[in-house]
Protein backbone atom coordinates (compact mmCIF):
# COMPACT_ATOMS: atom_id res chain seq x y z
CA MET A 1 0.55 -16.62 33.73
CA ALA A 2 3.98 -17.03 35.28
CA GLY A 3 5.38 -13.63 34.40
CA GLU A 4 5.38 -10.62 32.14
CA LEU A 5 7.59 -9.60 29.25
CA ASN A 6 7.79 -5.87 28.54
CA VAL A 7 8.35 -4.78 24.95
CA LEU A 8 9.07 -1.26 23.68
CA CYS A 9 8.32 -1.43 19.98
CA ALA A 10 8.42 0.86 16.95
CA GLY A 11 5.03 1.29 15.32
CA ALA A 12 6.21 -0.29 12.10
CA VAL A 13 6.47 -3.67 13.87
CA LYS A 14 3.20 -3.38 15.83
CA GLY A 15 1.16 -5.58 13.50
CA LEU A 16 3.69 -8.42 13.72
CA VAL A 17 3.94 -8.25 17.52
CA LEU A 18 0.16 -8.31 17.91
CA ALA A 19 -0.17 -11.21 15.48
CA LEU A 20 2.33 -13.26 17.49
CA GLN A 21 1.20 -12.25 20.97
CA SER A 22 -1.48 -14.84 21.66
CA GLY A 23 0.57 -17.79 20.45
CA PHE A 24 3.63 -16.66 22.38
CA GLU A 25 1.67 -16.21 25.60
CA HIS A 26 0.00 -19.59 25.24
CA ALA A 27 3.29 -21.39 24.53
CA SER A 28 5.40 -19.61 27.15
CA GLY A 29 2.92 -18.88 29.92
CA VAL A 30 4.28 -15.32 29.95
CA ARG A 31 2.07 -12.27 29.42
CA LEU A 32 3.34 -9.86 26.80
CA HIS A 33 2.99 -6.16 27.65
CA ALA A 34 3.87 -4.11 24.55
CA THR A 35 4.11 -0.35 24.16
CA PHE A 36 4.13 1.01 20.62
CA GLY A 37 5.16 4.37 19.20
CA ALA A 38 7.58 6.33 17.06
CA VAL A 39 11.16 5.07 17.27
CA GLY A 40 12.32 8.25 19.00
CA ALA A 41 9.59 7.96 21.60
CA MET A 42 10.56 4.34 22.30
CA ARG A 43 14.21 5.35 22.67
CA ASP A 44 13.25 8.09 25.10
CA ALA A 45 11.09 5.66 27.09
CA LEU A 46 13.99 3.21 27.39
CA ARG A 47 16.36 5.95 28.51
CA SER A 48 13.87 7.24 31.07
CA GLY A 49 13.71 3.83 32.75
CA ALA A 50 10.47 2.38 31.39
CA PRO A 51 10.25 -1.39 32.03
CA CYS A 52 11.77 -3.15 29.03
CA ASP A 53 12.90 -6.67 28.25
CA VAL A 54 12.75 -6.46 24.43
CA PHE A 55 13.44 -3.32 22.43
CA VAL A 56 12.36 -3.13 18.77
CA ALA A 57 13.33 -0.21 16.53
CA THR A 58 15.40 0.64 13.49
CA ASP A 59 18.56 -1.40 13.10
CA ALA A 60 20.66 1.77 13.41
CA MET A 61 18.97 2.83 16.64
CA VAL A 62 19.30 -0.63 18.17
CA GLY A 63 23.00 -0.66 17.31
CA SER A 64 23.48 2.78 18.83
CA LEU A 65 21.70 1.80 22.05
CA GLN A 66 23.83 -1.33 22.31
CA ALA A 67 26.95 0.79 21.97
CA SER A 68 25.77 3.15 24.72
CA GLY A 69 24.82 0.31 27.06
CA GLY A 70 21.03 0.55 26.95
CA LEU A 71 20.73 -2.81 25.17
CA ARG A 72 22.74 -5.97 25.65
CA ALA A 73 25.56 -6.59 23.20
CA ALA A 74 25.32 -9.50 20.76
CA THR A 75 21.53 -9.86 21.17
CA GLN A 76 20.49 -7.87 18.08
CA GLN A 77 18.50 -9.73 15.41
CA ALA A 78 17.10 -8.22 12.21
CA ILE A 79 13.36 -8.62 11.69
CA GLY A 80 13.12 -7.28 8.16
CA ARG A 81 13.15 -4.28 5.88
CA VAL A 82 10.15 -1.96 5.46
CA GLN A 83 9.50 0.53 2.68
CA THR A 84 8.21 4.02 3.38
CA ALA A 85 5.06 4.21 1.29
CA ILE A 86 2.02 6.20 0.21
CA ALA A 87 -1.51 5.35 1.38
CA VAL A 88 -5.01 6.43 0.40
CA LYS A 89 -8.45 5.44 1.55
CA ALA A 90 -9.61 2.12 0.13
CA SER A 91 -12.48 3.95 -1.60
CA ALA A 92 -10.14 6.37 -3.40
CA PRO A 93 -8.47 5.83 -6.79
CA PRO A 94 -4.70 5.27 -6.39
CA PRO A 95 -2.71 8.36 -7.41
CA ALA A 96 0.41 8.27 -9.58
CA ILE A 97 3.62 8.20 -7.54
CA ASP A 98 5.98 6.40 -9.92
CA SER A 99 8.26 9.38 -10.57
CA VAL A 100 9.39 12.55 -8.82
CA GLU A 101 7.12 14.59 -11.08
CA SER A 102 4.04 12.46 -10.45
CA LEU A 103 4.70 12.33 -6.70
CA LYS A 104 5.00 16.13 -6.59
CA ALA A 105 1.76 16.56 -8.56
CA THR A 106 -0.05 14.11 -6.27
CA LEU A 107 1.13 15.89 -3.15
CA LEU A 108 0.09 19.29 -4.51
CA ALA A 109 -3.34 17.97 -5.54
CA CYS A 110 -4.24 16.26 -2.25
CA SER A 111 -6.61 17.74 0.33
CA ALA A 112 -4.32 16.75 3.23
CA ILE A 113 -1.19 14.73 3.98
CA TYR A 114 -1.24 12.47 7.05
CA PHE A 115 2.14 11.42 8.48
CA PRO A 116 3.89 10.66 11.78
CA ASP A 117 5.97 12.98 13.94
CA ALA A 118 8.82 14.45 11.89
CA THR A 119 11.16 14.66 14.89
CA LEU A 120 10.64 11.21 16.43
CA SER A 121 9.71 8.87 13.58
CA THR A 122 11.69 7.58 10.60
CA ALA A 123 8.88 8.07 8.10
CA GLY A 124 7.88 11.48 9.44
CA ALA A 125 11.43 12.81 9.19
CA HIS A 126 11.56 11.52 5.62
CA VAL A 127 8.31 13.29 4.69
CA ALA A 128 9.83 16.56 5.88
CA VAL A 129 12.91 15.94 3.73
CA ILE A 130 10.76 15.22 0.68
CA LEU A 131 8.68 18.37 1.08
CA ASP A 132 11.82 20.47 1.41
CA ARG A 133 13.61 18.87 -1.53
CA LEU A 134 10.55 19.31 -3.73
CA GLY A 135 10.20 22.91 -2.55
CA ILE A 136 6.51 22.53 -1.65
CA ARG A 137 6.46 22.69 2.16
CA ASP A 138 5.08 26.24 2.23
CA ALA A 139 2.45 25.47 -0.41
CA LEU A 140 1.21 22.50 1.63
CA ALA A 141 1.61 23.97 5.12
CA SER A 142 -2.12 24.26 5.80
CA ARG A 143 -2.71 20.68 4.62
CA LEU A 144 -0.11 18.91 6.73
CA ARG A 145 -1.57 16.59 9.36
CA MET A 146 1.16 15.31 11.69
CA PHE A 147 0.47 12.84 14.51
CA ALA A 148 2.50 11.22 17.28
CA ASN A 149 3.05 8.01 15.30
CA GLY A 150 2.22 6.29 12.04
CA ALA A 151 -0.61 4.19 13.46
CA THR A 152 -2.48 7.27 14.67
CA ALA A 153 -1.83 9.14 11.43
CA MET A 154 -3.21 6.26 9.38
CA ARG A 155 -6.30 5.86 11.56
CA GLU A 156 -7.02 9.54 11.02
CA LEU A 157 -6.48 9.16 7.27
CA ALA A 158 -9.04 6.36 7.23
CA GLY A 159 -11.65 8.89 8.41
CA ALA A 160 -10.64 11.64 5.98
CA ASP A 161 -11.95 12.41 2.49
CA ASP A 162 -10.91 10.53 -0.64
CA GLN A 163 -8.52 13.28 -1.74
CA ALA A 164 -6.30 12.90 1.33
CA ILE A 165 -3.13 10.81 1.29
CA GLY A 166 -0.78 9.41 3.90
CA CYS A 167 2.90 8.56 4.11
CA THR A 168 4.39 6.17 6.65
CA GLN A 169 5.90 2.68 6.85
CA ALA A 170 4.18 0.11 4.62
CA THR A 171 3.55 -2.20 7.56
CA GLU A 172 1.53 0.48 9.37
CA ILE A 173 -0.56 1.07 6.26
CA ARG A 174 -1.26 -2.63 5.79
CA TYR A 175 -2.73 -3.19 9.26
CA THR A 176 -4.98 -0.09 9.20
CA PRO A 177 -8.55 -0.95 8.14
CA GLY A 178 -10.01 1.21 5.39
CA LEU A 179 -6.72 2.07 3.70
CA ALA A 180 -5.02 0.96 0.50
CA LEU A 181 -1.27 0.79 0.01
CA VAL A 182 -0.47 2.71 -3.19
CA GLY A 183 3.20 1.80 -3.27
CA ALA A 184 6.69 2.66 -2.14
CA LEU A 185 8.12 6.10 -2.75
CA PRO A 186 9.93 6.53 -6.08
CA ALA A 187 13.66 7.10 -6.48
CA PRO A 188 15.43 9.19 -5.29
CA PHE A 189 13.00 9.36 -2.35
CA ALA A 190 12.69 5.61 -1.81
CA LEU A 191 13.52 4.64 1.77
CA ALA A 192 13.83 1.09 3.07
CA THR A 193 14.42 0.78 6.80
CA VAL A 194 15.66 -2.33 8.58
CA TYR A 195 14.02 -3.06 11.94
CA SER A 196 15.74 -5.14 14.60
CA ALA A 197 15.17 -6.32 18.15
CA ALA A 198 17.53 -6.72 21.09
CA VAL A 199 17.43 -7.59 24.77
CA ALA A 200 17.38 -4.59 27.11
CA SER A 201 20.29 -4.24 29.52
CA LYS A 202 17.87 -4.12 32.46
CA ALA A 203 15.74 -7.02 31.22
CA ARG A 204 14.19 -9.00 34.05
CA ASP A 205 13.64 -12.06 31.86
CA GLU A 206 16.60 -12.41 29.51
CA ALA A 207 15.66 -15.92 28.38
CA GLY A 208 12.08 -14.93 27.65
CA ALA A 209 13.26 -11.85 25.79
CA ALA A 210 15.63 -13.88 23.65
CA GLY A 211 12.85 -16.35 22.90
CA PHE A 212 10.46 -13.65 21.76
CA ILE A 213 13.15 -12.07 19.57
CA ASP A 214 13.75 -15.47 17.98
CA LEU A 215 10.03 -15.66 17.23
CA LEU A 216 9.95 -12.15 15.73
CA SER A 217 12.91 -12.76 13.45
CA GLY A 218 12.84 -16.51 12.79
CA SER A 219 11.32 -18.88 10.28
CA ALA A 220 8.17 -19.45 12.36
CA SER A 221 6.99 -15.90 11.60
CA ALA A 222 8.45 -15.55 8.09
CA GLU A 223 5.07 -15.76 6.34
CA LEU A 224 3.51 -13.25 8.73
CA ARG A 225 6.39 -10.87 8.08
CA ARG A 226 6.01 -11.13 4.31
CA ASP A 227 2.24 -10.69 4.47
CA GLY A 228 2.64 -7.70 6.77
CA GLY A 229 4.99 -5.80 4.49
CA PHE A 230 8.46 -6.87 5.59
CA ASP A 231 11.18 -7.74 3.08
CA GLU A 232 14.29 -9.69 3.92
CA ALA A 233 16.78 -7.50 5.74
CA VAL A 234 19.90 -8.70 3.91
CA GLY A 235 21.37 -5.96 1.75
CA ALA A 236 18.80 -3.43 2.90
CA VAL A 237 19.28 0.28 3.25
CA ASP A 238 18.71 1.83 6.66
């Protein structure tokens, strides 16, 4: 292949990137090298000088990095909106999560809660907020299972018992074998996050980066985005 395109990508968009990788490489002749992780970890990697042509994270983080000069201005494109959701093993009956009361009861009844890093990931930080607002963090302390990112947390959940639950972005749940998506968190804990992509300021292949961003956000991948758990980004909450 003629070259390489480096992508730093939030875990919530991993499934979409992997689904598009082969077709993009075949059409462009460029090898895609993608690194996935919690949004905070991807931000830190960009700031530390990791090779990056395309950066994919929350819309707010992309905007902030454009303002600080880490990403090129006017290159940001929204990919879609993702709900933070509850997961269980595919073999487990879906618990009730349709109200604050039922969510609290489900959390207190579970054997363990699997979620991503509460300091670096959007979903993980939100789990911490929920536990505090419900006043059950101490009661669940011994059952909390936190991992570096949502993908790892969900893989671990897939190997747990049927009484365990997980909480991360819906897209990460959907592409993890052995899990079932129960549903989005109920109000007032519902959280929809817009993910966007932009060209890195130190991109070595600006044209290739722009082309891949067009593919991620454009009509050619619209069906893949819907199937993977993305909603349209217009009017979304970040």
